[in-house]
């Protein structure tokens, strides 16, 4: 059984970034990666680590399901409060 190669709908990540007028460099800084690494995520050369997916979902206020293409609904589920 082969693993699904495309984790994220990369177009959605790019569109969310563009819709907010952000550069790859700005989003890369948010994720604590280089612009080149983020670019590779966005075009599908490198896989997004789970913590980056969570951070993007929180930042863009969308569900992880939306980011990975399991739904077309952008609204996130109610989130738990983080423990200090």
N, C-alpha and C. Protein backbone atom coordinates (compact mmCIF):
# COMPACT_ATOMS: atom_id res chain seq x y z
N UNK A 1 0.84 -1.16 0.00
CA UNK A 1 0.00 0.00 0.00
C UNK A 1 0.90 1.24 0.00
N UNK A 2 0.72 2.11 -0.96
CA UNK A 2 1.57 3.30 -1.03
C UNK A 2 0.93 4.46 -0.29
N UNK A 3 1.80 5.28 0.28
CA UNK A 3 1.34 6.44 1.02
C UNK A 3 0.92 7.53 0.05
N UNK A 4 -0.10 8.26 0.40
CA UNK A 4 -0.55 9.35 -0.45
C UNK A 4 0.54 10.41 -0.52
N UNK A 5 1.00 10.72 -1.72
CA UNK A 5 2.12 11.64 -1.88
C UNK A 5 1.72 13.10 -1.65
N UNK A 6 0.53 13.47 -2.08
CA UNK A 6 0.12 14.86 -1.94
C UNK A 6 -0.61 15.04 -0.62
N UNK A 7 0.04 15.62 0.36
CA UNK A 7 -0.60 15.82 1.66
C UNK A 7 -1.52 17.03 1.61
N UNK A 8 -1.05 18.12 1.09
CA UNK A 8 -1.84 19.34 1.05
C UNK A 8 -2.27 19.66 -0.37
N UNK A 9 -3.36 20.36 -0.47
CA UNK A 9 -3.74 20.93 -1.75
C UNK A 9 -2.92 22.20 -1.88
N UNK A 10 -1.80 22.08 -2.57
CA UNK A 10 -0.83 23.17 -2.60
C UNK A 10 -1.40 24.46 -3.15
N UNK A 11 -2.33 24.35 -4.07
CA UNK A 11 -2.97 25.55 -4.60
C UNK A 11 -3.72 26.31 -3.52
N UNK A 12 -4.29 25.59 -2.58
CA UNK A 12 -5.00 26.25 -1.48
C UNK A 12 -4.03 27.04 -0.61
N UNK A 13 -2.88 26.47 -0.34
CA UNK A 13 -1.89 27.16 0.48
C UNK A 13 -1.42 28.43 -0.23
N UNK A 14 -1.15 28.30 -1.51
CA UNK A 14 -0.72 29.45 -2.30
C UNK A 14 -1.83 30.50 -2.37
N UNK A 15 -3.07 30.05 -2.63
CA UNK A 15 -4.18 30.99 -2.74
C UNK A 15 -4.45 31.72 -1.43
N UNK A 16 -4.38 31.01 -0.31
CA UNK A 16 -4.57 31.66 0.99
C UNK A 16 -3.50 32.73 1.21
N UNK A 17 -2.27 32.39 0.85
CA UNK A 17 -1.17 33.36 1.00
C UNK A 17 -1.39 34.57 0.10
N UNK A 18 -1.70 34.31 -1.17
CA UNK A 18 -1.92 35.41 -2.12
C UNK A 18 -3.12 36.27 -1.77
N UNK A 19 -4.21 35.63 -1.32
CA UNK A 19 -5.41 36.38 -0.95
C UNK A 19 -5.16 37.36 0.18
N UNK A 20 -4.17 37.08 1.00
CA UNK A 20 -3.83 37.96 2.11
C UNK A 20 -2.67 38.88 1.79
N UNK A 21 -2.21 38.83 0.54
CA UNK A 21 -1.15 39.73 0.12
C UNK A 21 0.19 39.43 0.76
N UNK A 22 0.41 38.16 1.11
CA UNK A 22 1.66 37.78 1.77
C UNK A 22 2.66 37.22 0.78
N UNK A 23 3.92 37.39 1.09
CA UNK A 23 4.98 36.79 0.27
C UNK A 23 5.34 35.43 0.85
N UNK A 24 6.01 34.63 0.06
CA UNK A 24 6.51 33.35 0.57
C UNK A 24 7.46 33.60 1.74
N UNK A 25 8.24 34.65 1.65
CA UNK A 25 9.20 34.96 2.72
C UNK A 25 8.49 35.24 4.04
N UNK A 26 7.38 35.96 3.99
CA UNK A 26 6.63 36.26 5.20
C UNK A 26 6.06 34.99 5.84
N UNK A 27 5.49 34.11 5.02
CA UNK A 27 4.93 32.87 5.56
C UNK A 27 6.05 31.96 6.05
N UNK A 28 7.16 31.94 5.34
CA UNK A 28 8.31 31.14 5.77
C UNK A 28 8.77 31.58 7.15
N UNK A 29 8.79 32.89 7.38
CA UNK A 29 9.20 33.41 8.69
C UNK A 29 8.24 32.93 9.78
N UNK A 30 6.94 32.94 9.49
CA UNK A 30 5.95 32.44 10.43
C UNK A 30 6.21 30.98 10.80
N UNK A 31 6.65 30.19 9.81
CA UNK A 31 6.90 28.77 10.01
C UNK A 31 8.33 28.47 10.48
N UNK A 32 9.14 29.50 10.59
CA UNK A 32 10.55 29.35 10.99
C UNK A 32 11.34 28.47 10.03
N UNK A 33 11.10 28.69 8.74
CA UNK A 33 11.86 28.00 7.69
C UNK A 33 12.35 29.05 6.69
N UNK A 34 13.24 28.65 5.82
CA UNK A 34 13.71 29.58 4.79
C UNK A 34 12.64 29.76 3.71
N UNK A 35 12.76 30.84 2.97
CA UNK A 35 11.82 31.07 1.86
C UNK A 35 11.92 29.93 0.87
N UNK A 36 13.11 29.43 0.62
CA UNK A 36 13.30 28.33 -0.32
C UNK A 36 12.57 27.07 0.15
N UNK A 37 12.67 26.77 1.44
CA UNK A 37 11.97 25.61 1.99
C UNK A 37 10.47 25.77 1.85
N UNK A 38 9.96 26.96 2.19
CA UNK A 38 8.52 27.19 2.06
C UNK A 38 8.09 27.05 0.59
N UNK A 39 8.89 27.59 -0.31
CA UNK A 39 8.58 27.48 -1.73
C UNK A 39 8.47 26.01 -2.14
N UNK A 40 9.37 25.18 -1.62
CA UNK A 40 9.33 23.75 -1.92
C UNK A 40 8.08 23.10 -1.35
N UNK A 41 7.63 23.55 -0.19
CA UNK A 41 6.36 23.06 0.36
C UNK A 41 5.22 23.41 -0.59
N UNK A 42 5.20 24.67 -0.99
CA UNK A 42 4.08 25.19 -1.77
C UNK A 42 3.96 24.53 -3.14
N UNK A 43 5.08 24.21 -3.75
CA UNK A 43 5.02 23.59 -5.08
C UNK A 43 5.04 22.06 -5.01
N UNK A 44 5.14 21.53 -3.81
CA UNK A 44 5.01 20.09 -3.64
C UNK A 44 6.29 19.29 -3.71
N UNK A 45 7.44 19.95 -3.70
CA UNK A 45 8.71 19.23 -3.73
C UNK A 45 9.00 18.61 -2.37
N UNK A 46 8.72 19.38 -1.31
CA UNK A 46 8.93 18.89 0.06
C UNK A 46 7.57 18.79 0.75
N UNK A 47 7.48 17.88 1.70
CA UNK A 47 6.25 17.69 2.44
C UNK A 47 6.21 18.62 3.65
N UNK A 48 5.04 19.16 3.91
CA UNK A 48 4.85 20.00 5.09
C UNK A 48 4.91 19.14 6.35
N UNK A 49 5.67 19.54 7.36
CA UNK A 49 5.59 18.85 8.65
C UNK A 49 4.25 19.19 9.31
N UNK A 50 3.75 18.30 10.13
CA UNK A 50 2.45 18.48 10.77
C UNK A 50 2.37 19.79 11.55
N UNK A 51 3.43 20.16 12.26
CA UNK A 51 3.37 21.40 13.03
C UNK A 51 3.18 22.62 12.12
N UNK A 52 3.71 22.56 10.91
CA UNK A 52 3.52 23.66 9.95
C UNK A 52 2.07 23.69 9.46
N UNK A 53 1.47 22.53 9.26
CA UNK A 53 0.07 22.46 8.83
C UNK A 53 -0.82 23.07 9.91
N UNK A 54 -0.56 22.70 11.16
CA UNK A 54 -1.35 23.24 12.27
C UNK A 54 -1.16 24.75 12.36
N UNK A 55 0.06 25.20 12.26
CA UNK A 55 0.33 26.64 12.36
C UNK A 55 -0.37 27.41 11.23
N UNK A 56 -0.34 26.87 10.00
CA UNK A 56 -1.02 27.53 8.89
C UNK A 56 -2.53 27.55 9.08
N UNK A 57 -3.10 26.45 9.55
CA UNK A 57 -4.54 26.40 9.80
C UNK A 57 -4.95 27.46 10.83
N UNK A 58 -4.15 27.58 11.89
CA UNK A 58 -4.44 28.58 12.91
C UNK A 58 -4.25 29.99 12.35
N UNK A 59 -3.19 30.21 11.63
CA UNK A 59 -2.89 31.54 11.09
C UNK A 59 -3.96 32.00 10.11
N UNK A 60 -4.37 31.11 9.20
CA UNK A 60 -5.37 31.46 8.19
C UNK A 60 -6.80 31.27 8.68
N UNK A 61 -6.95 30.73 9.90
CA UNK A 61 -8.26 30.47 10.49
C UNK A 61 -9.11 29.58 9.59
N UNK A 62 -8.50 28.48 9.16
CA UNK A 62 -9.18 27.47 8.36
C UNK A 62 -8.96 26.12 9.03
N UNK A 63 -9.72 25.13 8.59
CA UNK A 63 -9.53 23.80 9.16
C UNK A 63 -8.37 23.08 8.46
N UNK A 64 -7.77 22.17 9.18
CA UNK A 64 -6.75 21.32 8.57
C UNK A 64 -7.38 20.49 7.46
N UNK A 65 -8.63 20.06 7.68
CA UNK A 65 -9.33 19.31 6.63
C UNK A 65 -9.38 20.11 5.33
N UNK A 66 -9.59 21.42 5.43
CA UNK A 66 -9.60 22.26 4.23
C UNK A 66 -8.22 22.27 3.59
N UNK A 67 -7.18 22.44 4.40
CA UNK A 67 -5.82 22.49 3.85
C UNK A 67 -5.45 21.20 3.13
N UNK A 68 -5.91 20.06 3.65
CA UNK A 68 -5.53 18.78 3.04
C UNK A 68 -6.54 18.28 2.02
N UNK A 69 -7.57 19.08 1.75
CA UNK A 69 -8.50 18.74 0.69
C UNK A 69 -9.61 17.76 1.07
N UNK A 70 -9.84 17.56 2.36
CA UNK A 70 -10.92 16.67 2.79
C UNK A 70 -12.28 17.35 2.79
N UNK A 71 -12.27 18.68 2.72
CA UNK A 71 -13.51 19.45 2.66
C UNK A 71 -13.25 20.73 1.88
N UNK A 72 -14.33 21.29 1.37
CA UNK A 72 -14.23 22.60 0.73
C UNK A 72 -14.69 23.71 1.68
N UNK A 73 -15.10 23.31 2.89
CA UNK A 73 -15.50 24.28 3.92
C UNK A 73 -14.24 24.81 4.59
N UNK A 74 -14.11 26.12 4.61
CA UNK A 74 -12.91 26.70 5.22
C UNK A 74 -13.01 26.84 6.72
N UNK A 75 -14.22 26.93 7.25
CA UNK A 75 -14.40 27.20 8.68
C UNK A 75 -13.77 26.11 9.54
N UNK A 76 -12.95 26.52 10.50
CA UNK A 76 -12.34 25.53 11.39
C UNK A 76 -13.34 25.03 12.42
N UNK A 77 -13.04 23.90 12.99
CA UNK A 77 -13.82 23.38 14.11
C UNK A 77 -13.54 24.25 15.32
N UNK A 78 -14.43 24.24 16.32
CA UNK A 78 -14.10 24.97 17.55
C UNK A 78 -12.79 24.42 18.12
N UNK A 79 -11.92 25.30 18.51
CA UNK A 79 -10.60 24.89 18.98
C UNK A 79 -10.54 24.86 20.49
N UNK A 80 -9.72 23.95 20.99
CA UNK A 80 -9.46 23.89 22.43
C UNK A 80 -8.57 25.06 22.81
N UNK A 81 -8.72 25.47 24.04
CA UNK A 81 -7.80 26.49 24.56
C UNK A 81 -6.48 25.79 24.84
N UNK A 82 -5.41 26.45 24.49
CA UNK A 82 -4.08 25.88 24.75
C UNK A 82 -3.73 26.03 26.21
N UNK A 83 -3.10 25.01 26.74
CA UNK A 83 -2.64 25.06 28.12
C UNK A 83 -1.37 25.91 28.20
N UNK A 84 -1.25 26.77 29.24
CA UNK A 84 -0.04 27.60 29.37
C UNK A 84 1.20 26.80 29.61
